[in-house]
Amino acid sequence: MFRTMLLMLAALVLIAAWQSFPLLQAELLAGRAEPRVVTPRGDLAEDERSTIALFEQARGSVVFIATTERVLNPWTRNALQVPRGTGSGFLWDRLGHVVTNDHVVAGASGAMVRLADGRAYDAVLVGTSPAHDLAVLRIGVGTGRPEPLPIGTSHDLRVGQKVFAIGNPFGLDWTLTTGIISALNRELPSETGAVIERLIQTDAAINPGNSGGPLLDSAGRLIGVNTAIYSPSGASAGIGFAVPVDTVNRVVPRLIAQGRYIRPSLGVRAEEQLNAALSARLGIEGVFALEVDPGSAAERAGIRPARLMRDGGFQAGDVILAVEGRPLRRVAELLAALDRQAPGDTITLTILRDGTRLTITVTLDAGR
């Protein structure tokens, strides 16, 4: 009797549940669940429309780069071309010049450039500048050439500006990431050991394969070339770096014309750590001329080097305080100031000689 009552009570509960879910009844009786009604999206936000338009306009100018290297088969002694790495780049002009990073193509024996429309071309190396981590390739693009990216400026960038990076991270082609400018005038050692200066720091995600791709401002103008990330794991950690476009716009035309970037030379030898020690010891901010190369621009201008005395003492020579009125504190700042010039340019130096400030002019030589 008690079991019968429990069964009757369970049946009443099931009937009540069934009657309280008419939609479930219909779905089960039909043997399937009907799709939900789609809610209209409405218009995209203005910033979304701007980002989409920027990407669609710039995408065609960005390229995928795959490099190869030649290896020798130890058994057959035949030379083979094997994949080496991938990276990004962008069209510089309508003559088929492609800008990328030096480290993307360094050590490679060949490179293939693929456009956004799927066309692929063998590339020829035009020139490289390891000191700026920049390289130029050339491809033979026929009809339907993509437009090159519009060139912006980097000297007037502000921390907090929105930026957009396009590239091929991990081989995932034509990827867009966004962020802001996190800092300016950063320094980073290149793979060759040289210090790349005046870099743009951004939190836009930059990963392996993004190297050589463009960094754009909100107007879609090129403001930098993505070059490196700072990450113990090798993946984006919110700190990426780009070569500023003012540097790119100075170096790339010379690479196209000459095949290499010839730095202007002053002919003064200085060393960063020793310079810092002398500055702290003597209380003078500037670059100490430790040596002056014979026949150099510095020697012609009369710059005096430091001297070692017979008793083992040290006599400071001239100290370069400023270039074109811009104060110096470090050797890297002197190199950066010279890098903004060209061989044959005449510049003004402010120096300290025996406690007296002097202004001299120097005509720069062509470096090696």
Protein backbone atom coordinates (compact mmCIF):
# COMPACT_ATOMS: atom_id res chain seq x y z
CA MET A 1 0.00 0.00 0.00
CA PHE A 2 2.75 2.43 0.95
CA ARG A 3 4.66 1.64 -2.26
CA THR A 4 1.53 2.27 -4.33
CA MET A 5 1.09 5.68 -2.73
CA LEU A 6 4.73 6.63 -3.48
CA LEU A 7 4.32 5.63 -7.12
CA MET A 8 1.11 7.67 -7.40
CA LEU A 9 2.85 10.70 -5.83
CA ALA A 10 5.83 10.44 -8.23
CA ALA A 11 3.45 10.25 -11.18
CA LEU A 12 1.60 13.39 -10.01
CA VAL A 13 4.96 15.27 -9.74
CA LEU A 14 5.95 14.25 -13.29
CA ILE A 15 2.57 15.31 -14.66
CA ALA A 16 2.86 18.69 -12.96
CA ALA A 17 6.38 19.20 -14.30
CA TRP A 18 5.28 18.25 -17.80
CA GLN A 19 2.37 20.71 -17.71
CA SER A 20 4.61 23.53 -16.43
CA PHE A 21 7.04 23.35 -19.40
CA PRO A 22 4.93 23.61 -22.57
CA LEU A 23 7.95 24.72 -24.67
CA LEU A 24 9.86 21.64 -23.55
CA GLN A 25 6.87 19.49 -24.45
CA ALA A 26 6.80 20.91 -27.97
CA GLU A 27 10.53 20.44 -28.46
CA LEU A 28 10.49 16.86 -27.21
CA LEU A 29 7.37 15.96 -29.22
CA ALA A 30 9.02 17.42 -32.34
CA GLY A 31 12.13 15.38 -31.63
CA ARG A 32 14.50 18.39 -31.76
CA ALA A 33 15.24 21.79 -30.17
CA GLU A 34 14.36 24.82 -32.30
CA PRO A 35 17.03 27.58 -32.71
CA ARG A 36 16.70 30.76 -30.70
CA VAL A 37 15.50 33.92 -32.40
CA VAL A 38 18.48 36.04 -33.49
CA THR A 39 18.69 39.48 -31.91
CA PRO A 40 19.63 42.18 -34.46
CA ARG A 41 23.20 43.46 -33.94
CA GLY A 42 22.64 47.08 -34.90
CA ASP A 43 25.40 49.38 -36.12
CA LEU A 44 29.00 48.78 -35.13
CA ALA A 45 30.56 51.30 -32.80
CA GLU A 46 32.46 54.12 -34.49
CA ASP A 47 35.86 52.95 -33.22
CA GLU A 48 35.11 49.43 -34.48
CA ARG A 49 34.27 50.76 -37.94
CA SER A 50 37.46 52.81 -37.95
CA THR A 51 39.60 49.80 -36.98
CA ILE A 52 37.99 47.60 -39.63
CA ALA A 53 38.51 50.25 -42.30
CA LEU A 54 42.14 50.73 -41.26
CA PHE A 55 42.88 47.01 -41.46
CA GLU A 56 41.12 46.53 -44.80
CA GLN A 57 42.98 49.48 -46.30
CA ALA A 58 46.43 48.47 -44.99
CA ARG A 59 46.18 44.69 -45.35
CA GLY A 60 47.07 44.64 -49.05
CA SER A 61 50.36 46.42 -48.40
CA VAL A 62 51.54 43.90 -45.79
CA VAL A 63 53.40 40.79 -46.98
CA PHE A 64 54.36 37.38 -45.63
CA ILE A 65 58.06 36.49 -45.91
CA ALA A 66 59.43 32.94 -45.85
CA THR A 67 63.20 32.48 -45.95
CA THR A 68 65.30 29.49 -46.93
CA GLU A 69 68.88 28.48 -46.36
CA ARG A 70 71.21 26.28 -48.35
CA VAL A 71 72.45 23.13 -46.66
CA LEU A 72 74.78 20.45 -47.94
CA ASN A 73 73.66 16.84 -47.81
CA PRO A 74 76.64 15.04 -46.20
CA TRP A 75 75.91 11.83 -48.12
CA THR A 76 75.15 13.07 -51.63
CA ARG A 77 77.06 16.38 -51.39
CA ASN A 78 74.06 18.03 -53.04
CA ALA A 79 73.03 21.52 -51.94
CA LEU A 80 69.42 21.78 -50.83
CA GLN A 81 67.20 24.76 -50.05
CA VAL A 82 65.37 24.17 -46.77
CA PRO A 83 62.92 26.39 -44.87
CA ARG A 84 64.62 28.73 -42.41
CA GLY A 85 62.02 31.06 -40.92
CA THR A 86 59.13 33.41 -41.53
CA GLY A 87 58.41 37.04 -40.91
CA SER A 88 56.49 40.04 -42.09
CA GLY A 89 57.14 43.07 -44.25
CA PHE A 90 55.37 45.78 -46.20
CA LEU A 91 55.55 47.44 -49.58
CA TRP A 92 57.62 50.61 -49.50
CA ASP A 93 56.95 51.92 -53.01
CA ARG A 94 55.41 50.96 -56.35
CA LEU A 95 58.74 49.64 -57.62
CA GLY A 96 58.41 46.42 -55.62
CA HIS A 97 60.66 47.31 -52.68
CA VAL A 98 59.70 45.52 -49.48
CA VAL A 99 60.87 46.64 -46.03
CA THR A 100 61.42 44.12 -43.24
CA ASN A 101 63.82 43.47 -40.36
CA ASP A 102 67.45 42.58 -40.92
CA HIS A 103 67.12 39.66 -38.52
CA VAL A 104 64.29 38.21 -40.64
CA VAL A 105 66.61 37.74 -43.64
CA ALA A 106 70.04 37.55 -41.97
CA GLY A 107 71.80 34.28 -42.84
CA ALA A 108 69.17 33.29 -45.41
CA SER A 109 70.10 32.25 -48.93
CA GLY A 110 66.68 33.02 -50.40
CA ALA A 111 63.32 34.56 -49.60
CA MET A 112 59.78 34.29 -50.91
CA VAL A 113 57.29 37.14 -50.53
CA ARG A 114 53.57 36.43 -50.60
CA LEU A 115 51.02 39.19 -51.09
CA ALA A 116 47.64 39.36 -49.42
CA ASP A 117 45.93 38.26 -52.66
CA GLY A 118 47.93 35.03 -52.69
CA ARG A 119 50.52 35.92 -55.31
CA ALA A 120 54.04 34.81 -54.40
CA TYR A 121 57.38 36.09 -55.70
CA ASP A 122 61.03 35.23 -55.24
CA ALA A 123 62.71 38.21 -53.62
CA VAL A 124 66.12 39.78 -54.21
CA LEU A 125 68.03 41.30 -51.30
CA VAL A 126 68.69 45.00 -51.96
CA GLY A 127 70.45 46.01 -48.75
CA THR A 128 70.57 45.71 -44.99
CA SER A 129 71.41 47.84 -41.98
CA PRO A 130 71.99 45.60 -38.94
CA ALA A 131 72.53 48.68 -36.77
CA HIS A 132 68.88 49.63 -37.34
CA ASP A 133 67.55 46.06 -37.83
CA LEU A 134 66.22 47.04 -41.27
CA ALA A 135 66.44 45.31 -44.64
CA VAL A 136 65.03 45.93 -48.10
CA LEU A 137 63.97 43.24 -50.57
CA ARG A 138 62.70 43.67 -54.12
CA ILE A 139 60.03 41.68 -55.93
CA GLY A 140 58.84 41.90 -59.54
CA VAL A 141 55.21 42.88 -59.18
CA GLY A 142 53.38 43.27 -62.50
CA THR A 143 49.86 44.58 -62.88
CA GLY A 144 47.62 45.07 -59.89
CA ARG A 145 50.39 46.34 -57.63
CA PRO A 146 49.19 46.99 -54.07
CA GLU A 147 49.54 50.55 -52.88
CA PRO A 148 52.42 51.24 -50.47
CA LEU A 149 51.58 52.31 -46.94
CA PRO A 150 51.33 56.06 -46.31
CA ILE A 151 54.32 57.34 -44.34
CA GLY A 152 53.83 59.13 -41.04
CA THR A 153 56.21 60.70 -38.53
CA SER A 154 57.58 59.47 -35.22
CA HIS A 155 59.23 62.53 -33.69
CA ASP A 156 55.84 63.84 -32.56
CA LEU A 157 54.43 60.60 -31.12
CA ARG A 158 52.91 60.70 -27.64
CA VAL A 159 52.68 58.01 -24.99
CA GLY A 160 49.07 56.84 -24.92
CA GLN A 161 48.42 57.06 -28.67
CA LYS A 162 46.55 54.13 -30.20
CA VAL A 163 48.61 51.91 -32.48
CA PHE A 164 47.87 48.96 -34.74
CA ALA A 165 50.27 46.16 -35.67
CA ILE A 166 49.74 43.92 -38.70
CA GLY A 167 51.85 40.84 -39.35
CA ASN A 168 52.10 37.07 -39.48
CA PRO A 169 52.70 35.83 -35.92
CA PHE A 170 53.48 32.10 -35.68
CA GLY A 171 52.69 31.85 -39.40
CA LEU A 172 49.09 33.02 -38.84
CA ASP A 173 48.95 35.40 -41.76
CA TRP A 174 47.60 38.96 -41.73
CA THR A 175 46.83 39.29 -38.04
CA LEU A 176 45.80 42.61 -36.50
CA THR A 177 46.60 43.54 -32.90
CA THR A 178 45.93 46.85 -31.21
CA GLY A 179 47.29 48.75 -28.25
CA ILE A 180 48.90 52.02 -27.29
CA ILE A 181 52.36 53.56 -27.27
CA SER A 182 53.72 52.59 -23.85
CA ALA A 183 57.01 54.49 -23.98
CA LEU A 184 59.39 56.25 -26.35
CA ASN A 185 63.15 56.40 -26.93
CA ARG A 186 63.85 52.88 -25.70
CA GLU A 187 67.12 51.05 -26.41
CA LEU A 188 67.51 47.36 -27.21
CA PRO A 189 70.51 45.22 -28.18
CA SER A 190 70.16 43.77 -31.67
CA GLU A 191 71.09 40.20 -32.59
CA THR A 192 74.42 41.54 -33.87
CA GLY A 193 75.20 43.14 -30.51
CA ALA A 194 74.66 46.72 -31.68
CA VAL A 195 72.26 48.88 -29.67
CA ILE A 196 69.15 49.93 -31.58
CA GLU A 197 68.11 53.34 -30.27
CA ARG A 198 65.01 55.53 -30.09
CA LEU A 199 62.65 52.55 -30.30
CA ILE A 200 58.90 52.82 -29.82
CA GLN A 201 57.56 50.62 -27.02
CA THR A 202 54.01 49.32 -27.41
CA ASP A 203 51.67 46.92 -25.65
CA ALA A 204 50.11 45.84 -28.96
CA ALA A 205 50.75 42.09 -29.10
CA ILE A 206 53.91 41.39 -31.12
CA ASN A 207 54.95 37.74 -31.44
CA PRO A 208 57.52 35.77 -33.45
CA GLY A 209 56.57 36.28 -37.09
CA ASN A 210 55.38 39.86 -36.52
CA SER A 211 58.96 41.04 -37.07
CA GLY A 212 59.21 43.41 -40.02
CA GLY A 213 55.51 44.22 -40.08
CA PRO A 214 54.16 47.76 -39.86
CA LEU A 215 53.09 49.66 -36.78
CA LEU A 216 50.36 52.13 -37.76
CA ASP A 217 48.73 55.10 -36.08
CA SER A 218 44.98 55.66 -35.98
CA ALA A 219 45.15 57.46 -39.35
CA GLY A 220 46.60 54.32 -40.97
CA ARG A 221 50.05 55.89 -41.43
CA LEU A 222 53.28 53.95 -40.94
CA ILE A 223 54.94 55.08 -37.71
CA GLY A 224 57.28 52.14 -37.07
CA VAL A 225 58.56 48.71 -38.06
CA ASN A 226 57.91 46.00 -35.47
CA THR A 227 61.26 44.55 -34.53
CA ALA A 228 61.29 42.66 -31.23
CA ILE A 229 59.51 41.57 -28.09
CA TYR A 230 60.66 41.50 -24.49
CA SER A 231 59.56 38.19 -23.07
CA PRO A 232 61.24 35.34 -21.15
CA SER A 233 58.88 32.87 -22.85
CA GLY A 234 59.39 34.18 -26.38
CA ALA A 235 55.72 35.16 -26.73
CA SER A 236 54.06 38.52 -26.28
CA ALA A 237 54.15 39.76 -22.70
CA GLY A 238 52.80 43.22 -23.40
CA ILE A 239 56.16 44.78 -24.27
CA GLY A 240 57.03 45.10 -27.95
CA PHE A 241 59.36 47.42 -29.83
CA ALA A 242 59.32 49.11 -33.22
CA VAL A 243 61.93 51.05 -35.19
CA PRO A 244 60.54 54.61 -35.54
CA VAL A 245 59.51 55.68 -39.03
CA ASP A 246 61.77 58.75 -38.98
CA THR A 247 64.70 56.34 -38.80
CA VAL A 248 63.15 54.09 -41.46
CA ASN A 249 62.57 57.03 -43.78
CA ARG A 250 66.23 58.01 -43.44
CA VAL A 251 67.78 54.54 -43.76
CA VAL A 252 65.63 52.79 -46.38
CA PRO A 253 66.25 55.24 -49.27
CA ARG A 254 70.00 54.83 -48.72
CA LEU A 255 69.68 51.04 -48.72
CA ILE A 256 67.78 51.23 -52.01
CA ALA A 257 70.33 53.61 -53.56
CA GLN A 258 73.57 52.15 -52.16
CA GLY A 259 72.78 48.68 -50.86
CA ARG A 260 74.00 49.57 -47.38
CA TYR A 261 73.68 52.33 -44.84
CA ILE A 262 76.86 54.38 -44.52
CA ARG A 263 76.94 56.07 -41.15
CA PRO A 264 78.55 59.49 -40.84
CA SER A 265 81.79 59.39 -38.89
CA LEU A 266 83.21 61.92 -36.44
CA GLY A 267 86.39 59.98 -35.65
CA VAL A 268 86.16 60.19 -31.87
CA ARG A 269 86.64 57.02 -29.83
CA ALA A 270 84.65 56.76 -26.59
CA GLU A 271 83.53 53.92 -24.32
CA GLU A 272 80.22 53.92 -22.47
CA GLN A 273 81.26 52.48 -19.10
CA LEU A 274 84.48 54.47 -18.89
CA ASN A 275 82.59 57.59 -19.96
CA ALA A 276 80.07 57.09 -17.15
CA ALA A 277 82.88 56.63 -14.62
CA LEU A 278 84.67 59.79 -15.77
CA SER A 279 81.43 61.78 -15.71
CA ALA A 280 80.73 60.68 -12.13
CA ARG A 281 84.31 61.29 -11.00
CA LEU A 282 84.72 64.74 -12.59
CA GLY A 283 81.11 65.88 -12.33
CA ILE A 284 80.88 66.63 -16.06
CA GLU A 285 78.00 65.42 -18.24
CA GLY A 286 79.17 64.79 -21.78
CA VAL A 287 81.19 62.43 -23.96
CA PHE A 288 84.91 62.28 -23.24
CA ALA A 289 87.08 62.07 -26.34
CA LEU A 290 89.42 59.23 -25.37
CA GLU A 291 91.01 58.95 -28.82
CA VAL A 292 90.85 60.87 -32.08
CA ASP A 293 91.43 58.94 -35.31
CA PRO A 294 94.26 60.32 -37.45
CA GLY A 295 92.98 62.18 -40.51
CA SER A 296 89.40 62.10 -39.22
CA ALA A 297 86.80 64.87 -39.12
CA ALA A 298 87.50 65.31 -35.41
CA GLU A 299 91.23 65.77 -35.98
CA ARG A 300 90.63 68.33 -38.74
CA ALA A 301 88.33 70.22 -36.37
CA GLY A 302 91.03 70.26 -33.70
CA ILE A 303 89.34 68.03 -31.11
CA ARG A 304 91.88 66.99 -28.48
CA PRO A 305 91.93 63.44 -27.08
CA ALA A 306 92.65 62.37 -23.50
CA ARG A 307 96.25 61.65 -22.52
CA LEU A 308 97.92 59.17 -20.21
CA MET A 309 100.69 60.82 -18.21
CA ARG A 310 104.09 59.27 -17.57
CA ASP A 311 103.29 58.90 -13.89
CA GLY A 312 100.22 56.84 -14.78
CA GLY A 313 97.83 59.71 -14.33
CA PHE A 314 95.02 60.66 -16.70
CA GLN A 315 94.50 64.03 -18.35
CA ALA A 316 91.07 64.54 -19.83
CA GLY A 317 90.89 65.95 -23.34
CA ASP A 318 87.91 67.62 -24.90
CA VAL A 319 84.44 66.71 -23.64
CA ILE A 320 81.62 66.92 -26.18
CA LEU A 321 78.72 68.54 -24.33
CA ALA A 322 76.19 68.97 -27.14
CA VAL A 323 75.53 68.32 -30.84
CA GLU A 324 73.55 71.01 -32.64
CA GLY A 325 72.63 72.43 -29.25
CA ARG A 326 71.28 69.12 -27.90
CA PRO A 327 73.00 68.17 -24.63
CA LEU A 328 74.74 64.78 -24.37
CA ARG A 329 75.20 62.54 -21.36
CA ARG A 330 76.12 59.21 -22.92
CA VAL A 331 78.10 57.81 -25.83
CA ALA A 332 74.89 56.28 -27.24
CA GLU A 333 73.37 59.75 -27.44
CA LEU A 334 76.34 61.00 -29.46
CA LEU A 335 76.00 58.08 -31.87
CA ALA A 336 72.27 58.71 -32.21
CA ALA A 337 72.89 62.42 -32.89
CA LEU A 338 75.44 61.57 -35.59
CA ASP A 339 73.10 58.99 -37.07
CA ARG A 340 70.60 61.74 -37.80
CA GLN A 341 73.15 63.33 -40.13
CA ALA A 342 74.67 62.24 -43.44
CA PRO A 343 78.32 62.04 -44.58
CA GLY A 344 79.41 65.48 -45.71
CA ASP A 345 77.07 67.35 -43.35
CA THR A 346 78.57 70.13 -41.26
CA ILE A 347 77.46 70.13 -37.63
CA THR A 348 78.09 72.28 -34.58
CA LEU A 349 79.63 70.76 -31.45
CA THR A 350 79.75 72.32 -28.01
CA ILE A 351 82.87 71.12 -26.20
CA LEU A 352 84.54 71.66 -22.86
CA ARG A 353 88.29 72.26 -23.03
CA ASP A 354 90.27 73.02 -19.88
CA GLY A 355 87.17 74.34 -18.18
CA THR A 356 86.16 76.59 -21.10
CA ARG A 357 83.08 75.99 -23.30
CA LEU A 358 83.81 76.27 -27.02
CA THR A 359 81.71 75.92 -30.15
CA ILE A 360 83.30 74.28 -33.19
CA THR A 361 82.04 73.08 -36.57
CA VAL A 362 82.84 69.66 -38.00
CA THR A 363 82.24 68.25 -41.48
CA LEU A 364 81.44 64.57 -41.08
CA ASP A 365 83.20 61.80 -42.98
CA ALA A 366 81.68 58.62 -44.39
CA GLY A 367 81.98 55.77 -41.95
CA ARG A 368 82.71 52.17 -42.79
